[in-house]
């Protein structure tokens, strides 16, 4: 066989493995693993922990009413969920409209530093043991928060990725391709989780243990992916919860979808360049069995994590020990 033929068939194999082969191999490995060791399903805790639902928004006045109606429809004890919006840099009526909701905490800084900077600032203030991230323009199913919390009953889980679903997908154009892509991507994430750990989380819906958050560089393009992988680098698993999903409208056209794909590709390259050393530092799961880290001094009033039997300690308050330019409690 000539060199050209070898290179050709090697290229064909790589393309096949990337788009289909990996999924087939993963499915087979999951079937073998679950035949030997059936997956354990954790129950929703009888005394659920306090959770912050954190919504990063920039000029989202058009969706405030719909998003708040969605937040109020979530099936989680009212006294245990704290809805927090961070609206840094917003110049429209977002903050004004949120003032009509007494249960909401609004963090606002007129300076615009970008989403990653806003998240860093918010996580310096939030004190609940679990933080659920979601976008202003995505709607969650009523059971989303409760199902995510159930996954955290496993003390080896440090991050939970929800499922992204594309609403109102048509049969042609960007809507059709985006819907198919996310269905396949979601299936791969589910299989990754069932085998051992999902790889990354989508910003439309994911959650972390508050104490595991690491401040991100403000020019980070894929904050959701980097945040989740930094948690995995600490020795924790990323669970995938298909019973918690976020509905998002598809890209308006192929041009918009192309811009989004370019940003994801650039963010992926940035992440590999910056964090490749971390990705190999926990090879073979060496750190999974180690003790979980202590709470930070700022969060010393919360005992973390839950004990091995899955019980939770009392959570702290929603206010923190670091100050912010403006905190509105409506």
C-alpha atoms as a PDB file:
ATOM      1  CA  UNK A   1       0.000   0.000   0.000  1.00  0.00           C
ATOM      2  CA  UNK A   2       1.402   3.375  -0.992  1.00  0.00           C
ATOM      3  CA  UNK A   3       2.014   6.229   1.425  1.00  0.00           C
ATOM      4  CA  UNK A   4      -0.795   8.216  -0.169  1.00  0.00           C
ATOM      5  CA  UNK A   5      -3.249   5.344   0.339  1.00  0.00           C
ATOM      6  CA  UNK A   6      -2.196   4.927   3.966  1.00  0.00           C
ATOM      7  CA  UNK A   7      -2.685   8.627   4.633  1.00  0.00           C
ATOM      8  CA  UNK A   8      -6.062   8.557   2.865  1.00  0.00           C
ATOM      9  CA  UNK A   9      -7.459   5.656   4.878  1.00  0.00           C
ATOM     10  CA  UNK A  10      -5.982   7.040   8.092  1.00  0.00           C
ATOM     11  CA  UNK A  11      -7.828  10.285   7.373  1.00  0.00           C
ATOM     12  CA  UNK A  12     -11.065   8.392   6.651  1.00  0.00           C
ATOM     13  CA  UNK A  13     -10.695   6.501   9.932  1.00  0.00           C
ATOM     14  CA  UNK A  14     -10.084   9.690  11.926  1.00  0.00           C
ATOM     15  CA  UNK A  15     -13.156  11.369  10.448  1.00  0.00           C
ATOM     16  CA  UNK A  16     -15.290   8.274  11.062  1.00  0.00           C
ATOM     17  CA  UNK A  17     -14.041   7.891  14.636  1.00  0.00           C
ATOM     18  CA  UNK A  18     -14.591  11.577  15.408  1.00  0.00           C
ATOM     19  CA  UNK A  19     -18.205  11.662  14.242  1.00  0.00           C
ATOM     20  CA  UNK A  20     -19.456   8.084  14.773  1.00  0.00           C
ATOM     21  CA  UNK A  21     -16.760   5.697  15.973  1.00  0.00           C
ATOM     22  CA  UNK A  22     -16.296   7.343  19.354  1.00  0.00           C
ATOM     23  CA  UNK A  23     -20.012   7.122  20.068  1.00  0.00           C
ATOM     24  CA  UNK A  24     -20.160   3.454  19.069  1.00  0.00           C
ATOM     25  CA  UNK A  25     -17.118   2.564  21.178  1.00  0.00           C
ATOM     26  CA  UNK A  26     -18.469   4.547  24.125  1.00  0.00           C
ATOM     27  CA  UNK A  27     -21.840   2.785  23.917  1.00  0.00           C
ATOM     28  CA  UNK A  28     -20.144  -0.635  23.967  1.00  0.00           C
ATOM     29  CA  UNK A  29     -17.958   0.291  26.953  1.00  0.00           C
ATOM     30  CA  UNK A  30     -20.980   1.579  28.878  1.00  0.00           C
ATOM     31  CA  UNK A  31     -22.904  -1.641  28.238  1.00  0.00           C
ATOM     32  CA  UNK A  32     -19.955  -3.718  29.487  1.00  0.00           C
ATOM     33  CA  UNK A  33     -19.457  -1.540  32.558  1.00  0.00           C
ATOM     34  CA  UNK A  34     -23.112  -1.546  33.557  1.00  0.00           C
ATOM     35  CA  UNK A  35     -23.342  -5.307  33.060  1.00  0.00           C
ATOM     36  CA  UNK A  36     -20.504  -5.735  35.548  1.00  0.00           C
ATOM     37  CA  UNK A  37     -21.413  -2.863  37.867  1.00  0.00           C
ATOM     38  CA  UNK A  38     -24.949  -1.465  37.555  1.00  0.00           C
ATOM     39  CA  UNK A  39     -25.244   2.296  37.919  1.00  0.00           C
ATOM     40  CA  UNK A  40     -26.439   3.613  41.272  1.00  0.00           C
ATOM     41  CA  UNK A  41     -29.215   6.196  41.301  1.00  0.00           C
ATOM     42  CA  UNK A  42     -29.276   8.615  44.217  1.00  0.00           C
ATOM     43  CA  UNK A  43     -32.535   9.840  45.716  1.00  0.00           C
ATOM     44  CA  UNK A  44     -33.590  13.451  46.113  1.00  0.00           C
ATOM     45  CA  UNK A  45     -32.526  14.442  49.673  1.00  0.00           C
ATOM     46  CA  UNK A  46     -35.323  14.694  52.242  1.00  0.00           C
ATOM     47  CA  UNK A  47     -33.821  17.948  53.498  1.00  0.00           C
ATOM     48  CA  UNK A  48     -32.552  19.647  50.339  1.00  0.00           C
ATOM     49  CA  UNK A  49     -29.660  22.113  50.596  1.00  0.00           C
ATOM     50  CA  UNK A  50     -29.895  25.805  49.840  1.00  0.00           C
ATOM     51  CA  UNK A  51     -29.205  26.629  46.215  1.00  0.00           C
ATOM     52  CA  UNK A  52     -28.470  29.850  44.358  1.00  0.00           C
ATOM     53  CA  UNK A  53     -29.901  30.103  40.864  1.00  0.00           C
ATOM     54  CA  UNK A  54     -27.440  32.492  39.232  1.00  0.00           C
ATOM     55  CA  UNK A  55     -28.491  34.290  36.057  1.00  0.00           C
ATOM     56  CA  UNK A  56     -25.875  36.364  34.224  1.00  0.00           C
ATOM     57  CA  UNK A  57     -27.652  38.941  32.060  1.00  0.00           C
ATOM     58  CA  UNK A  58     -26.645  41.803  29.806  1.00  0.00           C
ATOM     59  CA  UNK A  59     -29.490  43.962  28.473  1.00  0.00           C
ATOM     60  CA  UNK A  60     -32.113  41.239  28.769  1.00  0.00           C
ATOM     61  CA  UNK A  61     -35.194  43.367  29.467  1.00  0.00           C
ATOM     62  CA  UNK A  62     -37.242  41.495  26.861  1.00  0.00           C
ATOM     63  CA  UNK A  63     -37.014  38.177  28.724  1.00  0.00           C
ATOM     64  CA  UNK A  64     -37.156  39.283  32.380  1.00  0.00           C
ATOM     65  CA  UNK A  65     -40.878  38.549  32.818  1.00  0.00           C
ATOM     66  CA  UNK A  66     -40.699  35.161  31.084  1.00  0.00           C
ATOM     67  CA  UNK A  67     -37.567  34.121  32.962  1.00  0.00           C
ATOM     68  CA  UNK A  68     -38.991  35.102  36.342  1.00  0.00           C
ATOM     69  CA  UNK A  69     -42.207  33.205  35.612  1.00  0.00           C
ATOM     70  CA  UNK A  70     -40.009  30.212  34.826  1.00  0.00           C
ATOM     71  CA  UNK A  71     -38.030  30.654  38.068  1.00  0.00           C
ATOM     72  CA  UNK A  72     -41.230  30.783  40.119  1.00  0.00           C
ATOM     73  CA  UNK A  73     -42.439  27.569  38.483  1.00  0.00           C
ATOM     74  CA  UNK A  74     -39.403  25.578  39.632  1.00  0.00           C
ATOM     75  CA  UNK A  75     -40.324  22.669  41.891  1.00  0.00           C
ATOM     76  CA  UNK A  76     -37.951  23.351  44.799  1.00  0.00           C
ATOM     77  CA  UNK A  77     -38.691  24.522  48.364  1.00  0.00           C
ATOM     78  CA  UNK A  78     -39.173  28.295  48.258  1.00  0.00           C
ATOM     79  CA  UNK A  79     -37.025  28.903  51.308  1.00  0.00           C
ATOM     80  CA  UNK A  80     -34.132  26.908  49.871  1.00  0.00           C
ATOM     81  CA  UNK A  81     -33.660  28.583  46.475  1.00  0.00           C
ATOM     82  CA  UNK A  82     -32.185  32.062  46.061  1.00  0.00           C
ATOM     83  CA  UNK A  83     -32.648  33.667  42.670  1.00  0.00           C
ATOM     84  CA  UNK A  84     -29.767  36.011  41.888  1.00  0.00           C
ATOM     85  CA  UNK A  85     -29.264  38.090  38.746  1.00  0.00           C
ATOM     86  CA  UNK A  86     -25.934  39.695  37.928  1.00  0.00           C
ATOM     87  CA  UNK A  87     -26.476  42.462  35.374  1.00  0.00           C
ATOM     88  CA  UNK A  88     -23.088  44.174  35.136  1.00  0.00           C
ATOM     89  CA  UNK A  89     -22.880  46.685  32.326  1.00  0.00           C
ATOM     90  CA  UNK A  90     -26.574  46.537  31.432  1.00  0.00           C
ATOM     91  CA  UNK A  91     -27.915  49.844  30.130  1.00  0.00           C
ATOM     92  CA  UNK A  92     -31.545  48.907  29.441  1.00  0.00           C
ATOM     93  CA  UNK A  93     -34.420  48.380  31.928  1.00  0.00           C
ATOM     94  CA  UNK A  94     -33.311  44.964  33.180  1.00  0.00           C
ATOM     95  CA  UNK A  95     -32.481  46.160  36.727  1.00  0.00           C
ATOM     96  CA  UNK A  96     -35.601  48.324  36.871  1.00  0.00           C
ATOM     97  CA  UNK A  97     -37.870  45.447  35.864  1.00  0.00           C
ATOM     98  CA  UNK A  98     -36.279  43.069  38.376  1.00  0.00           C
ATOM     99  CA  UNK A  99     -37.167  45.473  41.185  1.00  0.00           C
ATOM    100  CA  UNK A 100     -40.756  44.195  40.889  1.00  0.00           C
ATOM    101  CA  UNK A 101     -39.695  40.761  42.208  1.00  0.00           C
ATOM    102  CA  UNK A 102     -39.115  40.845  46.003  1.00  0.00           C
ATOM    103  CA  UNK A 103     -37.496  37.421  46.121  1.00  0.00           C
ATOM    104  CA  UNK A 104     -34.689  38.395  43.733  1.00  0.00           C
ATOM    105  CA  UNK A 105     -31.199  39.602  44.586  1.00  0.00           C
ATOM    106  CA  UNK A 106     -29.740  41.824  41.869  1.00  0.00           C
ATOM    107  CA  UNK A 107     -25.995  42.404  41.639  1.00  0.00           C
ATOM    108  CA  UNK A 108     -25.241  45.352  39.388  1.00  0.00           C
ATOM    109  CA  UNK A 109     -22.103  47.224  38.427  1.00  0.00           C
ATOM    110  CA  UNK A 110     -22.490  49.862  35.699  1.00  0.00           C
ATOM    111  CA  UNK A 111     -19.061  48.936  34.366  1.00  0.00           C
ATOM    112  CA  UNK A 112     -19.086  46.209  31.736  1.00  0.00           C
ATOM    113  CA  UNK A 113     -16.314  43.698  32.270  1.00  0.00           C
ATOM    114  CA  UNK A 114     -17.749  40.734  30.371  1.00  0.00           C
ATOM    115  CA  UNK A 115     -19.566  37.602  31.493  1.00  0.00           C
ATOM    116  CA  UNK A 116     -16.568  35.891  33.040  1.00  0.00           C
ATOM    117  CA  UNK A 117     -15.752  38.925  35.195  1.00  0.00           C
ATOM    118  CA  UNK A 118     -19.395  39.095  36.277  1.00  0.00           C
ATOM    119  CA  UNK A 119     -19.406  35.428  37.284  1.00  0.00           C
ATOM    120  CA  UNK A 120     -16.177  35.830  39.247  1.00  0.00           C
ATOM    121  CA  UNK A 121     -17.715  38.749  41.141  1.00  0.00           C
ATOM    122  CA  UNK A 122     -20.967  36.916  41.808  1.00  0.00           C
ATOM    123  CA  UNK A 123     -19.204  33.817  43.149  1.00  0.00           C
ATOM    124  CA  UNK A 124     -17.365  36.043  45.604  1.00  0.00           C
ATOM    125  CA  UNK A 125     -20.738  37.016  47.053  1.00  0.00           C
ATOM    126  CA  UNK A 126     -22.881  33.883  46.808  1.00  0.00           C
ATOM    127  CA  UNK A 127     -22.612  31.706  49.908  1.00  0.00           C
ATOM    128  CA  UNK A 128     -24.983  28.771  49.338  1.00  0.00           C
ATOM    129  CA  UNK A 129     -23.250  25.391  49.017  1.00  0.00           C
ATOM    130  CA  UNK A 130     -24.593  24.796  45.499  1.00  0.00           C
ATOM    131  CA  UNK A 131     -24.785  27.249  42.612  1.00  0.00           C
ATOM    132  CA  UNK A 132     -26.893  26.580  39.516  1.00  0.00           C
ATOM    133  CA  UNK A 133     -25.936  28.643  36.460  1.00  0.00           C
ATOM    134  CA  UNK A 134     -28.417  29.435  33.723  1.00  0.00           C
ATOM    135  CA  UNK A 135     -28.877  32.021  30.990  1.00  0.00           C
ATOM    136  CA  UNK A 136     -31.609  34.660  30.989  1.00  0.00           C
ATOM    137  CA  UNK A 137     -32.995  33.491  27.654  1.00  0.00           C
ATOM    138  CA  UNK A 138     -33.219  29.774  28.502  1.00  0.00           C
ATOM    139  CA  UNK A 139     -36.174  28.194  30.276  1.00  0.00           C
ATOM    140  CA  UNK A 140     -35.804  25.285  32.701  1.00  0.00           C
ATOM    141  CA  UNK A 141     -38.147  22.370  33.290  1.00  0.00           C
ATOM    142  CA  UNK A 142     -39.843  22.537  36.729  1.00  0.00           C
ATOM    143  CA  UNK A 143     -37.850  19.604  38.142  1.00  0.00           C
ATOM    144  CA  UNK A 144     -34.460  20.862  36.923  1.00  0.00           C
ATOM    145  CA  UNK A 145     -33.009  22.137  40.214  1.00  0.00           C
ATOM    146  CA  UNK A 146     -34.253  19.179  42.263  1.00  0.00           C
ATOM    147  CA  UNK A 147     -32.790  16.686  39.780  1.00  0.00           C
ATOM    148  CA  UNK A 148     -29.446  18.491  39.750  1.00  0.00           C
ATOM    149  CA  UNK A 149     -29.316  18.468  43.561  1.00  0.00           C
ATOM    150  CA  UNK A 150     -29.997  14.728  43.518  1.00  0.00           C
ATOM    151  CA  UNK A 151     -26.793  14.208  41.522  1.00  0.00           C
ATOM    152  CA  UNK A 152     -24.783  16.011  44.204  1.00  0.00           C
ATOM    153  CA  UNK A 153     -25.770  13.338  46.713  1.00  0.00           C
ATOM    154  CA  UNK A 154     -22.748  11.514  45.307  1.00  0.00           C
ATOM    155  CA  UNK A 155     -19.820  13.189  47.137  1.00  0.00           C
ATOM    156  CA  UNK A 156     -17.489  12.410  44.220  1.00  0.00           C
ATOM    157  CA  UNK A 157     -19.511  14.726  41.959  1.00  0.00           C
ATOM    158  CA  UNK A 158     -18.278  18.317  41.864  1.00  0.00           C
ATOM    159  CA  UNK A 159     -20.210  19.600  38.852  1.00  0.00           C
ATOM    160  CA  UNK A 160     -23.502  18.655  37.208  1.00  0.00           C
ATOM    161  CA  UNK A 161     -24.240  19.388  33.569  1.00  0.00           C
ATOM    162  CA  UNK A 162     -27.860  19.773  32.532  1.00  0.00           C
ATOM    163  CA  UNK A 163     -29.160  19.025  29.072  1.00  0.00           C
ATOM    164  CA  UNK A 164     -29.524  21.712  26.441  1.00  0.00           C
ATOM    165  CA  UNK A 165     -32.542  21.404  24.151  1.00  0.00           C
ATOM    166  CA  UNK A 166     -33.251  23.586  21.157  1.00  0.00           C
ATOM    167  CA  UNK A 167     -36.858  24.771  21.142  1.00  0.00           C
ATOM    168  CA  UNK A 168     -39.026  24.988  18.053  1.00  0.00           C
ATOM    169  CA  UNK A 169     -36.547  23.383  15.675  1.00  0.00           C
ATOM    170  CA  UNK A 170     -37.725  23.277  12.089  1.00  0.00           C
ATOM    171  CA  UNK A 171     -36.823  20.864   9.343  1.00  0.00           C
ATOM    172  CA  UNK A 172     -34.370  23.101   7.504  1.00  0.00           C
ATOM    173  CA  UNK A 173     -31.557  25.600   8.054  1.00  0.00           C
ATOM    174  CA  UNK A 174     -29.810  26.443  11.290  1.00  0.00           C
ATOM    175  CA  UNK A 175     -32.664  25.205  13.494  1.00  0.00           C
ATOM    176  CA  UNK A 176     -32.547  21.682  12.069  1.00  0.00           C
ATOM    177  CA  UNK A 177     -28.755  21.311  12.168  1.00  0.00           C
ATOM    178  CA  UNK A 178     -28.473  22.784  15.660  1.00  0.00           C
ATOM    179  CA  UNK A 179     -31.209  20.500  17.000  1.00  0.00           C
ATOM    180  CA  UNK A 180     -29.596  17.373  15.555  1.00  0.00           C
ATOM    181  CA  UNK A 181     -26.165  18.432  16.810  1.00  0.00           C
ATOM    182  CA  UNK A 182     -27.339  18.947  20.395  1.00  0.00           C
ATOM    183  CA  UNK A 183     -29.293  15.689  20.478  1.00  0.00           C
ATOM    184  CA  UNK A 184     -26.178  13.767  19.465  1.00  0.00           C
ATOM    185  CA  UNK A 185     -23.948  15.824  21.768  1.00  0.00           C
ATOM    186  CA  UNK A 186     -26.326  15.237  24.682  1.00  0.00           C
ATOM    187  CA  UNK A 187     -26.304  11.499  24.075  1.00  0.00           C
ATOM    188  CA  UNK A 188     -22.506  11.440  24.083  1.00  0.00           C
ATOM    189  CA  UNK A 189     -22.415  13.389  27.351  1.00  0.00           C
ATOM    190  CA  UNK A 190     -24.861  10.949  28.908  1.00  0.00           C
ATOM    191  CA  UNK A 191     -22.703   7.998  27.845  1.00  0.00           C
ATOM    192  CA  UNK A 192     -19.531   9.721  29.075  1.00  0.00           C
ATOM    193  CA  UNK A 193     -21.205  10.193  32.461  1.00  0.00           C
ATOM    194  CA  UNK A 194     -22.423   6.615  32.625  1.00  0.00           C
ATOM    195  CA  UNK A 195     -18.931   5.345  31.845  1.00  0.00           C
ATOM    196  CA  UNK A 196     -17.203   7.654  34.330  1.00  0.00           C
ATOM    197  CA  UNK A 197     -17.504  11.439  33.904  1.00  0.00           C
ATOM    198  CA  UNK A 198     -18.930  13.883  31.400  1.00  0.00           C
ATOM    199  CA  UNK A 199     -16.482  16.206  29.654  1.00  0.00           C
ATOM    200  CA  UNK A 200     -17.454  19.813  30.260  1.00  0.00           C
ATOM    201  CA  UNK A 201     -20.807  21.499  30.765  1.00  0.00           C
ATOM    202  CA  UNK A 202     -22.942  23.878  28.700  1.00  0.00           C
ATOM    203  CA  UNK A 203     -23.612  27.321  30.150  1.00  0.00           C
ATOM    204  CA  UNK A 204     -27.360  27.117  29.541  1.00  0.00           C
ATOM    205  CA  UNK A 205     -27.643  24.893  32.642  1.00  0.00           C
ATOM    206  CA  UNK A 206     -24.981  23.528  34.951  1.00  0.00           C
ATOM    207  CA  UNK A 207     -24.203  23.551  38.653  1.00  0.00           C
ATOM    208  CA  UNK A 208     -21.145  23.396  40.897  1.00  0.00           C
ATOM    209  CA  UNK A 209     -20.233  23.017  44.528  1.00  0.00           C
ATOM    210  CA  UNK A 210     -19.550  26.598  45.553  1.00  0.00           C
ATOM    211  CA  UNK A 211     -16.284  25.802  47.319  1.00  0.00           C
ATOM    212  CA  UNK A 212     -14.794  24.248  44.184  1.00  0.00           C
ATOM    213  CA  UNK A 213     -15.165  27.384  42.055  1.00  0.00           C
ATOM    214  CA  UNK A 214     -11.855  28.814  40.886  1.00  0.00           C
ATOM    215  CA  UNK A 215     -11.566  32.411  39.684  1.00  0.00           C
ATOM    216  CA  UNK A 216     -11.333  32.460  35.904  1.00  0.00           C
ATOM    217  CA  UNK A 217      -9.219  34.733  33.753  1.00  0.00           C
ATOM    218  CA  UNK A 218     -11.487  37.487  32.494  1.00  0.00           C
ATOM    219  CA  UNK A 219     -10.689  36.875  28.823  1.00  0.00           C
ATOM    220  CA  UNK A 220     -11.846  33.244  29.056  1.00  0.00           C
ATOM    221  CA  UNK A 221     -14.071  32.482  26.061  1.00  0.00           C
ATOM    222  CA  UNK A 222     -15.723  29.284  27.312  1.00  0.00           C
ATOM    223  CA  UNK A 223     -16.346  29.984  30.996  1.00  0.00           C
ATOM    224  CA  UNK A 224     -18.699  27.018  31.400  1.00  0.00           C
ATOM    225  CA  UNK A 225     -16.269  24.496  29.927  1.00  0.00           C
ATOM    226  CA  UNK A 226     -13.215  25.840  31.755  1.00  0.00           C
ATOM    227  CA  UNK A 227     -15.049  26.049  35.090  1.00  0.00           C
ATOM    228  CA  UNK A 228     -16.220  22.432  34.850  1.00  0.00           C
ATOM    229  CA  UNK A 229     -12.836  21.119  33.740  1.00  0.00           C
ATOM    230  CA  UNK A 230     -11.040  22.932  36.570  1.00  0.00           C
ATOM    231  CA  UNK A 231     -13.349  21.090  38.947  1.00  0.00           C
ATOM    232  CA  UNK A 232     -12.563  17.786  37.217  1.00  0.00           C
ATOM    233  CA  UNK A 233      -8.848  18.604  37.576  1.00  0.00           C
ATOM    234  CA  UNK A 234      -9.380  18.704  41.348  1.00  0.00           C
ATOM    235  CA  UNK A 235     -10.389  15.048  41.245  1.00  0.00           C
ATOM    236  CA  UNK A 236     -14.180  15.300  41.014  1.00  0.00           C
ATOM    237  CA  UNK A 237     -16.558  13.853  38.466  1.00  0.00           C
ATOM    238  CA  UNK A 238     -18.866  15.833  36.180  1.00  0.00           C
ATOM    239  CA  UNK A 239     -22.306  14.244  36.264  1.00  0.00           C
ATOM    240  CA  UNK A 240     -24.766  14.582  33.412  1.00  0.00           C
ATOM    241  CA  UNK A 241     -28.432  14.978  34.304  1.00  0.00           C
ATOM    242  CA  UNK A 242     -30.767  14.509  31.352  1.00  0.00           C
ATOM    243  CA  UNK A 243     -33.781  15.042  33.624  1.00  0.00           C
ATOM    244  CA  UNK A 244     -32.731  18.692  34.068  1.00  0.00           C
ATOM    245  CA  UNK A 245     -32.887  20.586  30.816  1.00  0.00           C
ATOM    246  CA  UNK A 246     -32.840  24.114  29.435  1.00  0.00           C
ATOM    247  CA  UNK A 247     -34.837  25.155  26.389  1.00  0.00           C
ATOM    248  CA  UNK A 248     -33.200  27.701  24.111  1.00  0.00           C
ATOM    249  CA  UNK A 249     -34.269  29.217  20.818  1.00  0.00           C
ATOM    250  CA  UNK A 250     -32.135  28.167  17.829  1.00  0.00           C
ATOM    251  CA  UNK A 251     -29.779  30.482  15.991  1.00  0.00           C
ATOM    252  CA  UNK A 252     -31.628  32.895  13.705  1.00  0.00           C
ATOM    253  CA  UNK A 253     -29.756  31.769  10.585  1.00  0.00           C
ATOM    254  CA  UNK A 254     -26.688  29.896   9.409  1.00  0.00           C
ATOM    255  CA  UNK A 255     -24.595  33.057   9.730  1.00  0.00           C
ATOM    256  CA  UNK A 256     -25.364  33.364  13.439  1.00  0.00           C
ATOM    257  CA  UNK A 257     -24.730  29.657  13.922  1.00  0.00           C
ATOM    258  CA  UNK A 258     -21.387  30.035  12.156  1.00  0.00           C
ATOM    259  CA  UNK A 259     -20.332  32.833  14.513  1.00  0.00           C
ATOM    260  CA  UNK A 260     -21.247  30.684  17.508  1.00  0.00           C
ATOM    261  CA  UNK A 261     -19.256  27.723  16.192  1.00  0.00           C
ATOM    262  CA  UNK A 262     -16.210  29.950  15.594  1.00  0.00           C
ATOM    263  CA  UNK A 263     -16.377  31.222  19.170  1.00  0.00           C
ATOM    264  CA  UNK A 264     -16.625  27.662  20.495  1.00  0.00           C
ATOM    265  CA  UNK A 265     -13.681  26.538  18.344  1.00  0.00           C
ATOM    266  CA  UNK A 266     -11.563  29.504  19.452  1.00  0.00           C
ATOM    267  CA  UNK A 267     -12.532  28.895  23.078  1.00  0.00           C
ATOM    268  CA  UNK A 268     -11.625  25.242  22.779  1.00  0.00           C
ATOM    269  CA  UNK A 269      -8.175  26.077  21.439  1.00  0.00           C
ATOM    270  CA  UNK A 270      -7.700  28.663  24.189  1.00  0.00           C
ATOM    271  CA  UNK A 271      -8.708  26.133  26.848  1.00  0.00           C
ATOM    272  CA  UNK A 272      -6.355  23.435  25.569  1.00  0.00           C
ATOM    273  CA  UNK A 273      -3.474  25.898  25.396  1.00  0.00           C
ATOM    274  CA  UNK A 274      -3.997  27.224  28.910  1.00  0.00           C
ATOM    275  CA  UNK A 275      -5.057  24.103  30.775  1.00  0.00           C
ATOM    276  CA  UNK A 276      -3.435  21.143  29.025  1.00  0.00           C
ATOM    277  CA  UNK A 277      -1.095  20.620  31.988  1.00  0.00           C
ATOM    278  CA  UNK A 278      -4.097  20.253  34.305  1.00  0.00           C
ATOM    279  CA  UNK A 279      -5.777  17.703  32.061  1.00  0.00           C
ATOM    280  CA  UNK A 280      -2.937  15.224  32.599  1.00  0.00           C
ATOM    281  CA  UNK A 281      -2.281  15.919  36.272  1.00  0.00           C
ATOM    282  CA  UNK A 282      -5.108  13.661  37.483  1.00  0.00           C
ATOM    283  CA  UNK A 283      -4.672  10.821  35.015  1.00  0.00           C
ATOM    284  CA  UNK A 284      -6.088   7.410  35.876  1.00  0.00           C
ATOM    285  CA  UNK A 285      -8.329   8.993  38.494  1.00  0.00           C
ATOM    286  CA  UNK A 286      -5.606   9.181  41.116  1.00  0.00           C
ATOM    287  CA  UNK A 287      -7.327  11.901  43.105  1.00  0.00           C
ATOM    288  CA  UNK A 288     -10.871  10.559  43.168  1.00  0.00           C
ATOM    289  CA  UNK A 289     -10.411   8.855  46.494  1.00  0.00           C
ATOM    290  CA  UNK A 290      -8.700  11.719  48.245  1.00  0.00           C
ATOM    291  CA  UNK A 291     -10.324  13.864  50.880  1.00  0.00           C
ATOM    292  CA  UNK A 292     -12.421  16.767  49.622  1.00  0.00           C
ATOM    293  CA  UNK A 293     -10.999  20.251  50.282  1.00  0.00           C
ATOM    294  CA  UNK A 294     -11.942  22.426  53.211  1.00  0.00           C
ATOM    295  CA  UNK A 295     -14.265  25.392  52.828  1.00  0.00           C
ATOM    296  CA  UNK A 296     -12.603  28.719  52.125  1.00  0.00           C
ATOM    297  CA  UNK A 297     -12.303  31.100  55.118  1.00  0.00           C
ATOM    298  CA  UNK A 298     -15.005  33.292  53.603  1.00  0.00           C
ATOM    299  CA  UNK A 299     -17.365  30.313  53.652  1.00  0.00           C
ATOM    300  CA  UNK A 300     -16.287  28.860  56.966  1.00  0.00           C
ATOM    301  CA  UNK A 301     -19.820  28.826  58.351  1.00  0.00           C
ATOM    302  CA  UNK A 302     -20.800  26.056  55.904  1.00  0.00           C
ATOM    303  CA  UNK A 303     -19.562  22.530  56.517  1.00  0.00           C
ATOM    304  CA  UNK A 304     -18.622  20.906  53.234  1.00  0.00           C
ATOM    305  CA  UNK A 305     -19.066  18.536  51.587  1.00  0.00           C
ATOM    306  CA  UNK A 306     -21.987  16.323  52.665  1.00  0.00           C
ATOM    307  CA  UNK A 307     -20.847  13.281  54.522  1.00  0.00           C
ATOM    308  CA  UNK A 308     -20.430   9.994  52.708  1.00  0.00           C
ATOM    309  CA  UNK A 309     -24.007   9.060  53.599  1.00  0.00           C
ATOM    310  CA  UNK A 310     -25.149  12.077  51.615  1.00  0.00           C
ATOM    311  CA  UNK A 311     -26.399  14.295  54.448  1.00  0.00           C
ATOM    312  CA  UNK A 312     -26.128  18.061  54.171  1.00  0.00           C
ATOM    313  CA  UNK A 313     -25.096  20.720  56.651  1.00  0.00           C
ATOM    314  CA  UNK A 314     -26.743  24.057  57.160  1.00  0.00           C
ATOM    315  CA  UNK A 315     -25.952  26.548  54.416  1.00  0.00           C
ATOM    316  CA  UNK A 316     -24.860  30.127  54.804  1.00  0.00           C
ATOM    317  CA  UNK A 317     -26.587  33.285  53.829  1.00  0.00           C
ATOM    318  CA  UNK A 318     -26.829  34.761  50.364  1.00  0.00           C
ATOM    319  CA  UNK A 319     -24.656  37.700  51.251  1.00  0.00           C
ATOM    320  CA  UNK A 320     -20.906  37.308  51.379  1.00  0.00           C
ATOM    321  CA  UNK A 321     -17.831  38.806  52.918  1.00  0.00           C
ATOM    322  CA  UNK A 322     -16.677  40.538  49.762  1.00  0.00           C
ATOM    323  CA  UNK A 323     -18.293  43.795  48.732  1.00  0.00           C
ATOM    324  CA  UNK A 324     -19.753  44.712  45.355  1.00  0.00           C
ATOM    325  CA  UNK A 325     -20.647  48.039  43.785  1.00  0.00           C
ATOM    326  CA  UNK A 326     -24.396  47.432  44.146  1.00  0.00           C
ATOM    327  CA  UNK A 327     -26.552  44.701  45.657  1.00  0.00           C
ATOM    328  CA  UNK A 328     -30.293  45.156  45.346  1.00  0.00           C
ATOM    329  CA  UNK A 329     -32.572  42.892  47.340  1.00  0.00           C
ATOM    330  CA  UNK A 330     -35.894  43.604  45.719  1.00  0.00           C
END
